[in-house]
């Protein structure tokens, strides 16, 4: 333990996490009621909102999957991030309406616009998707602690440490603690990421060297190596757009964004914050993607350790030693089978296993190794942190934990708020404020425990992010946007949209369908889920009577909030 505390990287992370808890304890004094805990008393100025919006959106999904996509695809990896940029630009035009509606949660909006059934479905969907997102924040924290400690802290131990701090921090002061430390986190992110990018580009010989190496590896093109992200023969453009759309839909319906806009001092502050938010997100996510690309060049030039090969070697050892057969006895794969799988991955059929002629067992091994390679590339930023000058490395690891914890606490607070307001308080509307506040805090702890149990369900951060984004984006976002944009939307349409969007996503992801035989646009769940969700919203609404003006009128308020 003493050796760990003497490690400067672990020390910087430890001091940062303790400072977070200290801020939480201090800000807890400002929390007088549940509205303070959930929306910071609706008092936030625009410049505080920018920091908290930025720190919340840039999470493990950017730090690991964004950098990993940059490592494997170059700047074409930004197709995934680009969906959010378009989403934020759109939100700018409706930010004033969102703030002026004066709600606390997304189900509050659904309750007022559509009724209780839609609000209940929105709550259920939000809890499922957001617990998945919290789980991969914990996974990301474990990965950071493991890499920077050179495995002195195991990934499993790191996951628990991250979870304990994130949960404790959120429990203490809710939105009050989250938003003010998010401003500091935003500053740390900016200096840490941009400083590391400058160093790594210089270490490999400059931008020209990065460009030449990227072009030779097929990473300096519109679609990069996106086709290699899957093994079922889907084209690069279709796959890139399949990641672009869920990110855009998650952003457009992100309850964290709405809750922060609800926390704004007024509609003008909300709109100004969104404008600066999009600038910050474009700069930081582009920097993270380029950092991943430059990191891949640094690995080739032996400036950094071969992280992908190391992960692949660990997977090889696991396959050779740990597999059990149908009878429960140890039945490891052979070296010959693993070599055949690697040859498949490195051959002309790497993105379409079915065309290779290899048996299912070899294809299964190849998929497992393919996942390990992607997982390895997602660790490029923690690897960079150990190679940059010490002060910058300490800043970068603190930045990574800032990104992870700030996102985890935000995604914990949302479902806890939903369950408190939209379930408990609807059943017991006369509950004293002190009791409501206590229940909110207990739910944060309980939901954090659930997220911890979900950590093992996905091999990579990208897989978890993609699934969570799509479940939420396809089911919630169409009906949510319709509240502000389509006066004709009805309860029937909203329910049909939520059920069909979530149902198709779950069916495609877990239903065991042979999607490889489908049309390319239907192989990934993105387009089927989104199209059925929008179709359900439109058809269900048009088949039922239009809502009266008193229902939809409040959602089209462009004036300043009188409060």
Protein backbone atom coordinates (compact mmCIF):
# COMPACT_ATOMS: atom_id res chain seq x y z
CA UNK A 1 0.00 0.00 0.00
CA UNK A 2 2.87 2.39 0.86
CA UNK A 3 4.45 1.76 -2.55
CA UNK A 4 1.17 2.67 -4.23
CA UNK A 5 0.88 5.92 -2.27
CA UNK A 6 4.42 6.86 -3.28
CA UNK A 7 3.53 6.50 -6.96
CA UNK A 8 3.00 10.08 -8.24
CA UNK A 9 0.21 9.05 -10.62
CA UNK A 10 -1.77 7.21 -7.95
CA UNK A 11 -1.09 10.07 -5.54
CA UNK A 12 -2.50 12.65 -7.97
CA UNK A 13 -5.62 10.53 -8.49
CA UNK A 14 -6.02 9.99 -4.75
CA UNK A 15 -5.70 13.70 -3.96
CA UNK A 16 -8.19 14.54 -6.68
CA UNK A 17 -10.77 12.03 -5.41
CA UNK A 18 -10.37 13.22 -1.81
CA UNK A 19 -10.81 16.81 -2.98
CA UNK A 20 -14.05 15.78 -4.69
CA UNK A 21 -15.41 14.31 -1.50
CA UNK A 22 -14.35 17.46 0.37
CA UNK A 23 -16.28 19.62 -2.08
CA UNK A 24 -19.27 17.32 -1.70
CA UNK A 25 -19.20 17.71 2.09
CA UNK A 26 -18.89 21.49 1.79
CA UNK A 27 -21.67 21.84 -0.78
CA UNK A 28 -23.96 19.51 1.18
CA UNK A 29 -24.66 22.49 3.45
CA UNK A 30 -26.36 24.25 0.51
CA UNK A 31 -28.89 21.46 0.01
CA UNK A 32 -32.13 22.41 1.77
CA UNK A 33 -34.65 20.39 -0.23
CA UNK A 34 -35.01 17.92 -3.10
CA UNK A 35 -35.03 20.68 -5.74
CA UNK A 36 -31.62 21.86 -4.53
CA UNK A 37 -30.38 18.26 -4.72
CA UNK A 38 -31.80 17.65 -8.22
CA UNK A 39 -31.55 20.99 -10.10
CA UNK A 40 -29.34 23.20 -7.86
CA UNK A 41 -32.26 25.49 -7.03
CA UNK A 42 -32.49 26.69 -10.69
CA UNK A 43 -29.82 29.33 -10.03
CA UNK A 44 -26.92 28.42 -12.36
CA UNK A 45 -25.36 31.10 -14.60
CA UNK A 46 -24.37 30.23 -18.17
CA UNK A 47 -20.61 29.92 -17.54
CA UNK A 48 -21.15 27.32 -14.81
CA UNK A 49 -23.55 25.46 -17.11
CA UNK A 50 -20.90 25.27 -19.87
CA UNK A 51 -18.45 23.54 -17.54
CA UNK A 52 -20.95 21.02 -16.22
CA UNK A 53 -22.40 20.23 -19.66
CA UNK A 54 -18.91 19.67 -21.05
CA UNK A 55 -17.66 17.55 -18.15
CA UNK A 56 -20.81 15.42 -18.18
CA UNK A 57 -20.78 14.64 -21.90
CA UNK A 58 -17.03 13.93 -22.17
CA UNK A 59 -16.91 10.66 -20.24
CA UNK A 60 -15.45 7.18 -20.61
CA UNK A 61 -17.17 6.97 -23.98
CA UNK A 62 -14.85 9.71 -25.24
CA UNK A 63 -11.80 8.83 -23.17
CA UNK A 64 -11.71 5.15 -24.10
CA UNK A 65 -13.98 4.38 -27.05
CA UNK A 66 -13.27 7.76 -28.73
CA UNK A 67 -9.52 7.35 -28.36
CA UNK A 68 -9.78 3.69 -29.41
CA UNK A 69 -11.70 4.64 -32.55
CA UNK A 70 -9.02 7.24 -33.29
CA UNK A 71 -6.33 4.59 -32.81
CA UNK A 72 -8.03 2.21 -35.26
CA UNK A 73 -9.66 4.65 -37.70
CA UNK A 74 -7.89 7.98 -37.43
CA UNK A 75 -10.06 11.08 -37.64
CA UNK A 76 -12.77 8.98 -39.33
CA UNK A 77 -13.41 7.69 -35.80
CA UNK A 78 -15.07 11.06 -35.18
CA UNK A 79 -18.16 9.84 -37.04
CA UNK A 80 -19.29 8.54 -33.65
CA UNK A 81 -18.64 11.86 -31.89
CA UNK A 82 -20.04 13.90 -34.78
CA UNK A 83 -23.57 12.77 -34.00
CA UNK A 84 -23.37 14.63 -30.70
CA UNK A 85 -22.13 17.80 -32.38
CA UNK A 86 -25.15 17.89 -34.66
CA UNK A 87 -27.38 17.16 -31.68
CA UNK A 88 -25.99 20.04 -29.60
CA UNK A 89 -26.35 22.45 -32.52
CA UNK A 90 -30.02 21.47 -32.75
CA UNK A 91 -30.54 21.86 -28.98
CA UNK A 92 -29.35 25.48 -29.26
CA UNK A 93 -32.58 26.36 -31.05
CA UNK A 94 -34.88 24.82 -28.44
CA UNK A 95 -32.85 25.49 -25.25
CA UNK A 96 -35.09 28.39 -24.22
CA UNK A 97 -38.21 26.22 -24.56
CA UNK A 98 -36.60 23.48 -22.47
CA UNK A 99 -35.70 25.85 -19.62
CA UNK A 100 -39.03 27.65 -19.65
CA UNK A 101 -41.05 24.46 -19.21
CA UNK A 102 -39.75 24.46 -15.60
CA UNK A 103 -39.59 20.69 -15.03
CA UNK A 104 -37.05 18.56 -13.14
CA UNK A 105 -36.89 15.27 -15.09
CA UNK A 106 -37.65 13.83 -18.53
CA UNK A 107 -40.58 11.79 -17.12
CA UNK A 108 -41.94 15.11 -15.76
CA UNK A 109 -42.12 16.30 -19.36
CA UNK A 110 -43.74 13.06 -20.53
CA UNK A 111 -46.27 13.25 -17.70
CA UNK A 112 -47.29 16.80 -18.61
CA UNK A 113 -47.36 16.23 -22.38
CA UNK A 114 -48.56 12.62 -22.75
CA UNK A 115 -49.69 11.27 -19.37
CA UNK A 116 -48.64 8.72 -16.76
CA UNK A 117 -48.11 5.63 -19.01
CA UNK A 118 -45.50 7.43 -21.10
CA UNK A 119 -43.82 8.82 -17.97
CA UNK A 120 -43.52 5.35 -16.43
CA UNK A 121 -42.04 3.88 -19.62
CA UNK A 122 -39.58 6.79 -19.85
CA UNK A 123 -38.48 6.15 -16.27
CA UNK A 124 -37.90 2.42 -16.87
CA UNK A 125 -35.95 3.03 -20.07
CA UNK A 126 -33.81 5.74 -18.48
CA UNK A 127 -32.87 3.58 -15.51
CA UNK A 128 -31.83 0.66 -17.75
CA UNK A 129 -29.77 2.76 -20.18
CA UNK A 130 -28.16 5.01 -17.58
CA UNK A 131 -27.12 2.15 -15.32
CA UNK A 132 -25.29 0.69 -18.33
CA UNK A 133 -23.55 4.03 -18.88
CA UNK A 134 -22.55 4.26 -15.20
CA UNK A 135 -21.19 0.71 -15.35
CA UNK A 136 -18.73 1.52 -18.10
CA UNK A 137 -17.60 4.66 -16.24
CA UNK A 138 -16.67 2.33 -13.38
CA UNK A 139 -14.97 0.00 -15.86
CA UNK A 140 -13.04 2.94 -17.31
CA UNK A 141 -11.90 4.02 -13.85
CA UNK A 142 -10.67 0.51 -13.13
CA UNK A 143 -8.76 0.50 -16.40
CA UNK A 144 -7.08 3.83 -15.64
CA UNK A 145 -6.00 2.77 -12.15
CA UNK A 146 -4.72 -0.58 -13.41
CA UNK A 147 -2.67 0.90 -16.28
CA UNK A 148 -1.13 3.83 -14.41
CA UNK A 149 -0.24 1.59 -11.44
CA UNK A 150 1.24 -1.01 -13.83
CA UNK A 151 -1.26 -3.58 -12.51
CA UNK A 152 -0.40 -3.02 -8.83
CA UNK A 153 -4.10 -2.16 -8.65
CA UNK A 154 -6.10 -4.82 -10.48
CA UNK A 155 -8.87 -3.69 -12.85
CA UNK A 156 -11.43 -5.24 -10.49
CA UNK A 157 -10.06 -3.35 -7.49
CA UNK A 158 -9.92 -0.14 -9.53
CA UNK A 159 -13.56 -0.56 -10.54
CA UNK A 160 -14.62 -0.80 -6.88
CA UNK A 161 -12.52 2.23 -5.88
CA UNK A 162 -14.02 4.31 -8.69
CA UNK A 163 -17.54 3.22 -7.79
CA UNK A 164 -17.14 4.02 -4.09
CA UNK A 165 -15.85 7.54 -4.75
CA UNK A 166 -18.41 8.33 -7.46
CA UNK A 167 -21.32 7.12 -5.32
CA UNK A 168 -20.10 8.91 -2.17
CA UNK A 169 -19.53 12.15 -4.05
CA UNK A 170 -23.01 12.09 -5.60
CA UNK A 171 -24.77 11.18 -2.34
CA UNK A 172 -23.31 14.12 -0.46
CA UNK A 173 -24.73 17.12 -2.32
CA UNK A 174 -26.35 16.01 -5.56
CA UNK A 175 -26.43 18.62 -8.33
CA UNK A 176 -24.80 21.30 -6.16
CA UNK A 177 -21.60 19.27 -5.75
CA UNK A 178 -21.67 17.99 -9.33
CA UNK A 179 -21.96 21.28 -11.21
CA UNK A 180 -19.28 23.28 -9.41
CA UNK A 181 -16.61 20.58 -9.52
CA UNK A 182 -17.52 19.99 -13.16
CA UNK A 183 -16.17 23.46 -13.96
CA UNK A 184 -12.79 22.44 -12.51
CA UNK A 185 -13.04 19.11 -14.33
CA UNK A 186 -13.63 20.94 -17.61
CA UNK A 187 -10.46 23.00 -17.12
CA UNK A 188 -8.46 19.89 -16.19
CA UNK A 189 -9.75 18.06 -19.26
CA UNK A 190 -8.80 20.86 -21.60
CA UNK A 191 -5.24 21.33 -20.34
CA UNK A 192 -4.58 17.62 -19.83
CA UNK A 193 -5.79 16.43 -23.24
CA UNK A 194 -4.29 19.30 -25.26
CA UNK A 195 -0.99 19.09 -23.37
CA UNK A 196 -0.72 15.33 -23.97
CA UNK A 197 -1.61 15.80 -27.64
CA UNK A 198 1.17 18.37 -28.11
CA UNK A 199 3.70 16.06 -26.45
CA UNK A 200 2.80 12.87 -28.34
CA UNK A 201 2.75 14.59 -31.75
CA UNK A 202 6.16 16.10 -31.04
CA UNK A 203 7.49 12.72 -29.82
CA UNK A 204 6.65 10.97 -33.12
CA UNK A 205 8.16 13.70 -35.29
CA UNK A 206 5.35 16.18 -35.85
CA UNK A 207 2.03 16.36 -37.65
CA UNK A 208 3.59 15.35 -40.98
CA UNK A 209 4.75 12.03 -39.51
CA UNK A 210 1.30 11.36 -38.08
CA UNK A 211 -0.25 12.11 -41.46
CA UNK A 212 2.12 9.85 -43.42
CA UNK A 213 1.69 6.92 -41.01
CA UNK A 214 -2.09 7.36 -40.89
CA UNK A 215 -2.40 7.52 -44.67
CA UNK A 216 -0.33 4.36 -45.07
CA UNK A 217 -2.60 2.54 -42.59
CA UNK A 218 -5.82 3.67 -44.29
CA UNK A 219 -6.69 6.03 -41.42
CA UNK A 220 -6.65 9.31 -43.35
CA UNK A 221 -9.85 8.93 -45.31
CA UNK A 222 -13.53 9.72 -44.88
CA UNK A 223 -14.46 6.24 -43.60
CA UNK A 224 -11.11 5.04 -42.22
CA UNK A 225 -11.12 1.37 -41.22
CA UNK A 226 -14.74 1.36 -40.03
CA UNK A 227 -15.49 -1.87 -41.93
CA UNK A 228 -13.04 -3.65 -39.60
CA UNK A 229 -15.07 -2.70 -36.52
CA UNK A 230 -17.33 -5.68 -37.22
CA UNK A 231 -16.75 -9.14 -38.67
CA UNK A 232 -20.04 -9.66 -40.53
CA UNK A 233 -19.30 -7.87 -43.81
CA UNK A 234 -21.00 -4.52 -43.09
CA UNK A 235 -19.53 -1.67 -45.15
CA UNK A 236 -17.58 1.14 -43.48
CA UNK A 237 -20.07 3.92 -44.33
CA UNK A 238 -23.07 1.96 -43.02
CA UNK A 239 -21.24 1.08 -39.81
CA UNK A 240 -19.98 4.63 -39.24
CA UNK A 241 -23.50 6.02 -39.66
CA UNK A 242 -24.78 3.28 -37.34
CA UNK A 243 -22.65 4.86 -34.60
CA UNK A 244 -23.32 8.47 -35.65
CA UNK A 245 -27.10 8.16 -35.23
CA UNK A 246 -27.24 6.67 -31.67
CA UNK A 247 -24.82 9.32 -30.39
CA UNK A 248 -26.93 12.08 -31.92
CA UNK A 249 -30.14 10.63 -30.49
CA UNK A 250 -28.68 10.15 -27.02
CA UNK A 251 -27.52 13.77 -26.98
CA UNK A 252 -30.87 15.09 -28.18
CA UNK A 253 -32.67 13.23 -25.41
CA UNK A 254 -29.95 13.16 -22.75
CA UNK A 255 -31.59 13.64 -19.38
CA UNK A 256 -28.34 15.10 -17.98
CA UNK A 257 -28.47 17.90 -20.52
CA UNK A 258 -32.14 18.61 -19.82
CA UNK A 259 -31.58 18.54 -16.05
CA UNK A 260 -28.75 21.06 -16.37
CA UNK A 261 -30.81 23.30 -18.64
CA UNK A 262 -33.63 23.06 -16.07
CA UNK A 263 -31.02 24.27 -13.53
CA UNK A 264 -30.25 27.43 -15.54
CA UNK A 265 -31.02 30.84 -14.09
CA UNK A 266 -33.21 31.64 -17.12
CA UNK A 267 -33.81 30.73 -20.78
CA UNK A 268 -31.15 33.13 -22.07
CA UNK A 269 -28.47 31.59 -19.84
CA UNK A 270 -29.43 28.13 -21.08
CA UNK A 271 -29.11 29.14 -24.74
CA UNK A 272 -25.75 30.85 -24.27
CA UNK A 273 -24.39 27.84 -22.37
CA UNK A 274 -25.36 25.47 -25.20
CA UNK A 275 -23.56 27.68 -27.75
CA UNK A 276 -20.24 27.50 -25.88
CA UNK A 277 -20.81 23.85 -25.03
CA UNK A 278 -20.79 22.77 -28.68
CA UNK A 279 -17.47 24.58 -29.22
CA UNK A 280 -15.89 22.83 -26.23
CA UNK A 281 -17.16 19.39 -27.24
CA UNK A 282 -15.92 19.70 -30.83
CA UNK A 283 -12.45 20.80 -29.66
CA UNK A 284 -12.04 18.17 -26.94
CA UNK A 285 -13.48 15.19 -28.81
CA UNK A 286 -11.40 16.03 -31.88
CA UNK A 287 -8.32 16.27 -29.66
CA UNK A 288 -9.10 12.89 -28.07
CA UNK A 289 -9.55 11.27 -31.49
CA UNK A 290 -6.30 12.75 -32.77
CA UNK A 291 -4.60 11.67 -29.54
CA UNK A 292 -5.66 8.09 -30.27
CA UNK A 293 -4.36 8.36 -33.85
CA UNK A 294 -1.04 9.86 -32.75
CA UNK A 295 -0.82 7.15 -30.08
CA UNK A 296 -1.07 4.43 -32.74
CA UNK A 297 1.83 6.07 -34.60
CA UNK A 298 3.80 6.25 -31.34
CA UNK A 299 3.27 2.51 -30.82
CA UNK A 300 4.58 1.80 -34.34
CA UNK A 301 7.65 3.95 -33.63
CA UNK A 302 8.14 2.21 -30.27
CA UNK A 303 7.64 5.45 -28.35
CA UNK A 304 4.81 3.67 -26.50
CA UNK A 305 4.35 0.05 -25.47
CA UNK A 306 2.47 -2.25 -27.91
CA UNK A 307 -0.78 -2.18 -25.94
CA UNK A 308 -2.88 -4.03 -28.53
CA UNK A 309 -0.38 -6.87 -28.83
CA UNK A 310 -0.16 -7.12 -25.04
CA UNK A 311 -3.93 -7.43 -24.74
CA UNK A 312 -3.96 -10.01 -27.55
CA UNK A 313 -1.27 -12.05 -25.81
CA UNK A 314 -3.28 -12.05 -22.57
CA UNK A 315 -6.33 -13.25 -24.51
CA UNK A 316 -4.23 -15.99 -26.13
CA UNK A 317 -3.08 -17.24 -22.72
CA UNK A 318 -6.69 -17.18 -21.50
CA UNK A 319 -7.87 -19.20 -24.51
CA UNK A 320 -5.07 -21.72 -24.04
CA UNK A 321 -5.75 -22.29 -20.34
CA UNK A 322 -9.21 -21.26 -19.14
CA UNK A 323 -11.83 -22.69 -21.50
CA UNK A 324 -14.28 -25.31 -20.24
CA UNK A 325 -16.04 -27.76 -22.52
CA UNK A 326 -19.75 -28.72 -22.54
CA UNK A 327 -19.15 -31.31 -19.80
CA UNK A 328 -17.58 -28.75 -17.48
CA UNK A 329 -14.08 -30.18 -17.86
CA UNK A 330 -11.16 -28.03 -18.94
CA UNK A 331 -11.03 -28.09 -22.74
CA UNK A 332 -8.70 -25.30 -23.87
CA UNK A 333 -8.28 -24.34 -27.50
CA UNK A 334 -5.10 -25.42 -29.26
CA UNK A 335 -2.33 -23.17 -30.50
CA UNK A 336 -3.19 -24.22 -34.05
CA UNK A 337 -6.80 -23.04 -33.65
CA UNK A 338 -5.68 -19.71 -32.22
CA UNK A 339 -3.10 -19.23 -34.99
CA UNK A 340 -5.81 -19.91 -37.58
CA UNK A 341 -8.05 -17.32 -35.90
CA UNK A 342 -5.28 -14.71 -35.92
CA UNK A 343 -4.57 -15.46 -39.59
CA UNK A 344 -8.27 -14.89 -40.29
CA UNK A 345 -8.19 -11.54 -38.46
CA UNK A 346 -5.10 -10.43 -40.36
CA UNK A 347 -6.27 -11.73 -43.74
CA UNK A 348 -8.50 -10.41 -46.54
CA UNK A 349 -11.71 -11.64 -44.85
CA UNK A 350 -11.10 -9.85 -41.54
CA UNK A 351 -14.32 -7.84 -41.87
CA UNK A 352 -16.41 -10.72 -43.24
CA UNK A 353 -15.70 -14.01 -41.47
CA UNK A 354 -18.48 -15.85 -43.30
CA UNK A 355 -16.57 -15.55 -46.59
CA UNK A 356 -13.43 -17.14 -45.13
CA UNK A 357 -14.57 -20.77 -45.15
CA UNK A 358 -13.28 -21.24 -41.58
CA UNK A 359 -15.36 -23.25 -39.11
CA UNK A 360 -17.52 -21.69 -36.41
CA UNK A 361 -15.03 -22.52 -33.67
CA UNK A 362 -12.15 -20.67 -35.36
CA UNK A 363 -14.47 -17.77 -36.18
CA UNK A 364 -15.52 -17.63 -32.52
CA UNK A 365 -11.89 -17.49 -31.39
CA UNK A 366 -11.22 -14.75 -33.94
CA UNK A 367 -14.15 -12.69 -32.63
CA UNK A 368 -12.80 -13.01 -29.10
CA UNK A 369 -9.32 -11.86 -30.17
CA UNK A 370 -10.89 -9.08 -32.26
CA UNK A 371 -12.59 -7.82 -29.10
CA UNK A 372 -9.32 -7.95 -27.16
CA UNK A 373 -7.59 -5.88 -29.84
CA UNK A 374 -10.28 -3.22 -29.64
CA UNK A 375 -10.11 -3.28 -25.85
CA UNK A 376 -6.33 -2.86 -26.00
CA UNK A 377 -6.56 0.18 -28.25
CA UNK A 378 -8.99 1.78 -25.79
CA UNK A 379 -6.15 1.99 -23.24
CA UNK A 380 -4.01 4.34 -25.34
CA UNK A 381 -4.56 7.50 -23.26
CA UNK A 382 -3.60 5.92 -19.90
CA UNK A 383 -0.54 4.50 -21.67
CA UNK A 384 0.36 7.98 -22.94
CA UNK A 385 -0.04 9.35 -19.39
CA UNK A 386 2.85 7.18 -18.17
CA UNK A 387 5.20 8.39 -20.91
CA UNK A 388 4.68 12.16 -20.94
CA UNK A 389 6.68 14.40 -18.52
CA UNK A 390 5.75 13.71 -14.91
CA UNK A 391 3.73 16.86 -14.19
CA UNK A 392 1.75 16.50 -17.42
CA UNK A 393 1.23 12.79 -16.70
CA UNK A 394 -0.13 13.57 -13.24
CA UNK A 395 -2.42 16.19 -14.76
CA UNK A 396 -3.59 13.74 -17.41
CA UNK A 397 -4.42 10.92 -14.98
CA UNK A 398 -6.29 13.39 -12.78
CA UNK A 399 -8.07 14.50 -15.96
CA UNK A 400 -9.06 10.91 -16.74
CA UNK A 401 -10.54 10.41 -13.29
CA UNK A 402 -12.23 13.82 -13.56
CA UNK A 403 -13.86 12.74 -16.80
CA UNK A 404 -14.95 9.38 -15.44
CA UNK A 405 -16.22 10.45 -12.02
CA UNK A 406 -18.03 13.56 -13.30
CA UNK A 407 -19.88 11.46 -15.86
CA UNK A 408 -20.64 8.63 -13.43
CA UNK A 409 -22.10 10.96 -10.82
CA UNK A 410 -24.30 12.71 -13.37
CA UNK A 411 -25.68 9.46 -14.78
CA UNK A 412 -26.29 8.21 -11.22
CA UNK A 413 -28.19 11.32 -10.24
CA UNK A 414 -30.65 11.14 -13.15
CA UNK A 415 -32.25 7.72 -12.47
CA UNK A 416 -32.24 8.40 -8.72
CA UNK A 417 -34.13 11.63 -9.40
CA UNK A 418 -36.54 9.87 -11.75
CA UNK A 419 -37.36 7.10 -9.30
CA UNK A 420 -37.79 9.57 -6.44
CA UNK A 421 -39.99 12.10 -8.24
CA UNK A 422 -41.70 10.00 -10.87
CA UNK A 423 -42.36 6.86 -8.86
CA UNK A 424 -42.17 7.44 -5.10
CA UNK A 425 -43.57 10.99 -4.96
CA UNK A 426 -46.40 10.13 -7.36
CA UNK A 427 -47.45 7.33 -5.02
CA UNK A 428 -46.85 9.41 -1.85
CA UNK A 429 -47.24 13.09 -2.80
CA UNK A 430 -47.39 14.28 0.83
CA UNK A 431 -43.96 12.91 1.77
CA UNK A 432 -41.90 15.47 3.79
CA UNK A 433 -38.94 17.07 1.97
CA UNK A 434 -36.43 15.56 4.42
CA UNK A 435 -37.71 12.07 3.58
CA UNK A 436 -37.63 12.74 -0.17
CA UNK A 437 -34.01 13.89 0.13
CA UNK A 438 -33.09 10.76 2.11
CA UNK A 439 -34.75 8.50 -0.45
CA UNK A 440 -32.86 10.23 -3.27
CA UNK A 441 -29.56 9.51 -1.54
CA UNK A 442 -30.43 5.90 -0.75
CA UNK A 443 -31.38 5.37 -4.40
CA UNK A 444 -28.02 6.75 -5.55
CA UNK A 445 -26.30 4.10 -3.42
CA UNK A 446 -28.61 1.30 -4.61
CA UNK A 447 -28.31 2.22 -8.28
CA UNK A 448 -24.55 2.50 -7.96
CA UNK A 449 -24.54 -1.08 -6.69
CA UNK A 450 -26.62 -2.22 -9.67
CA UNK A 451 -24.21 -0.49 -12.08
CA UNK A 452 -21.32 -2.27 -10.39
CA UNK A 453 -22.98 -5.62 -11.11
CA UNK A 454 -23.38 -4.70 -14.80
CA UNK A 455 -19.66 -4.02 -15.38
CA UNK A 456 -18.89 -7.53 -16.63
CA UNK A 457 -21.64 -7.59 -19.27
CA UNK A 458 -19.61 -5.88 -22.03
CA UNK A 459 -16.05 -6.57 -23.24
CA UNK A 460 -15.29 -3.03 -24.40
CA UNK A 461 -16.41 0.45 -23.43
CA UNK A 462 -17.51 0.99 -27.04
CA UNK A 463 -19.90 -1.99 -26.96
CA UNK A 464 -21.51 -0.83 -23.72
CA UNK A 465 -21.77 2.77 -24.92
CA UNK A 466 -23.32 1.81 -28.25
CA UNK A 467 -25.99 -0.39 -26.63
CA UNK A 468 -26.90 2.18 -23.95
CA UNK A 469 -26.98 5.07 -26.43
CA UNK A 470 -29.30 3.21 -28.77
CA UNK A 471 -31.70 1.85 -26.15
CA UNK A 472 -32.18 5.37 -24.81
CA UNK A 473 -31.90 7.33 -28.04
CA UNK A 474 -34.26 5.20 -30.11
CA UNK A 475 -36.92 4.88 -27.42
CA UNK A 476 -36.94 8.26 -25.63
CA UNK A 477 -35.62 10.90 -28.02
CA UNK A 478 -38.27 10.86 -30.81
CA UNK A 479 -41.18 11.29 -28.38
CA UNK A 480 -39.22 13.80 -26.28
CA UNK A 481 -38.38 16.05 -29.23
CA UNK A 482 -41.98 15.82 -30.40
CA UNK A 483 -43.11 17.50 -27.16
CA UNK A 484 -41.32 20.69 -28.27
CA UNK A 485 -41.65 20.37 -32.05
CA UNK A 486 -44.90 18.58 -33.00
CA UNK A 487 -48.22 19.75 -31.59
CA UNK A 488 -50.00 16.67 -32.96
CA UNK A 489 -48.04 14.09 -30.89
CA UNK A 490 -50.24 11.97 -28.57
CA UNK A 491 -49.95 9.46 -25.73
CA UNK A 492 -50.55 6.50 -28.07
CA UNK A 493 -47.79 7.68 -30.41
CA UNK A 494 -45.35 8.22 -27.52
CA UNK A 495 -45.98 4.77 -26.02
CA UNK A 496 -45.66 3.09 -29.43
CA UNK A 497 -42.39 4.94 -30.02
CA UNK A 498 -40.83 4.02 -26.67
CA UNK A 499 -41.85 0.36 -26.80
CA UNK A 500 -40.86 -0.22 -30.43
CA UNK A 501 -37.52 1.62 -30.17
CA UNK A 502 -36.41 -0.24 -27.05
CA UNK A 503 -37.91 -3.54 -28.21
CA UNK A 504 -36.13 -3.60 -31.56
CA UNK A 505 -32.80 -2.63 -29.96
CA UNK A 506 -33.06 -5.44 -27.41
CA UNK A 507 -34.24 -7.96 -30.03
CA UNK A 508 -31.35 -7.17 -32.41
CA UNK A 509 -28.77 -7.12 -29.59
CA UNK A 510 -29.84 -10.08 -27.46
CA UNK A 511 -32.43 -11.99 -29.52
CA UNK A 512 -29.99 -14.27 -31.33
CA UNK A 513 -31.15 -13.12 -34.77
CA UNK A 514 -29.08 -14.08 -37.81
CA UNK A 515 -28.70 -10.45 -38.87
CA UNK A 516 -25.87 -11.32 -41.25
CA UNK A 517 -28.48 -12.37 -43.82
CA UNK A 518 -30.33 -9.02 -43.57
CA UNK A 519 -29.88 -5.98 -45.82
CA UNK A 520 -26.71 -4.06 -44.74
CA UNK A 521 -28.78 -1.20 -43.30
CA UNK A 522 -30.68 -3.70 -41.14
CA UNK A 523 -27.76 -5.70 -39.75
CA UNK A 524 -26.95 -3.23 -36.98
CA UNK A 525 -29.90 -2.33 -34.69
CA UNK A 526 -29.57 1.43 -35.27
CA UNK A 527 -31.72 1.95 -38.34
CA UNK A 528 -34.44 -0.64 -37.56
CA UNK A 529 -34.82 0.73 -34.02
CA UNK A 530 -34.92 4.39 -35.02
CA UNK A 531 -37.25 3.90 -37.98
CA UNK A 532 -39.74 1.79 -36.01
CA UNK A 533 -39.66 4.29 -33.14
CA UNK A 534 -40.38 7.27 -35.41
CA UNK A 535 -42.97 5.25 -37.32
CA UNK A 536 -44.71 4.29 -34.08
CA UNK A 537 -44.77 7.93 -32.95
CA UNK A 538 -46.22 9.26 -36.20
CA UNK A 539 -48.74 6.48 -36.90
CA UNK A 540 -49.88 6.20 -33.27
CA UNK A 541 -50.39 9.97 -33.05
CA UNK A 542 -52.25 10.29 -36.35
CA UNK A 543 -54.61 7.43 -35.47
CA UNK A 544 -55.72 9.12 -32.23
CA UNK A 545 -57.35 12.50 -31.49
CA UNK A 546 -55.09 15.57 -31.39
CA UNK A 547 -54.27 16.90 -27.89
CA UNK A 548 -55.86 20.23 -26.84
CA UNK A 549 -53.88 23.47 -26.84
CA UNK A 550 -53.65 23.55 -23.05
CA UNK A 551 -51.58 20.34 -23.22
CA UNK A 552 -49.04 21.32 -25.88
CA UNK A 553 -49.05 25.12 -25.55
CA UNK A 554 -46.69 25.26 -22.55
CA UNK A 555 -44.01 23.42 -24.56
CA UNK A 556 -43.80 26.14 -27.22
CA UNK A 557 -42.96 29.01 -24.84
CA UNK A 558 -40.10 31.08 -26.32
CA UNK A 559 -40.42 33.96 -23.85
CA UNK A 560 -38.25 34.46 -20.79
CA UNK A 561 -39.25 32.52 -17.72
CA UNK A 562 -40.91 35.01 -15.38
CA UNK A 563 -39.04 33.61 -12.41
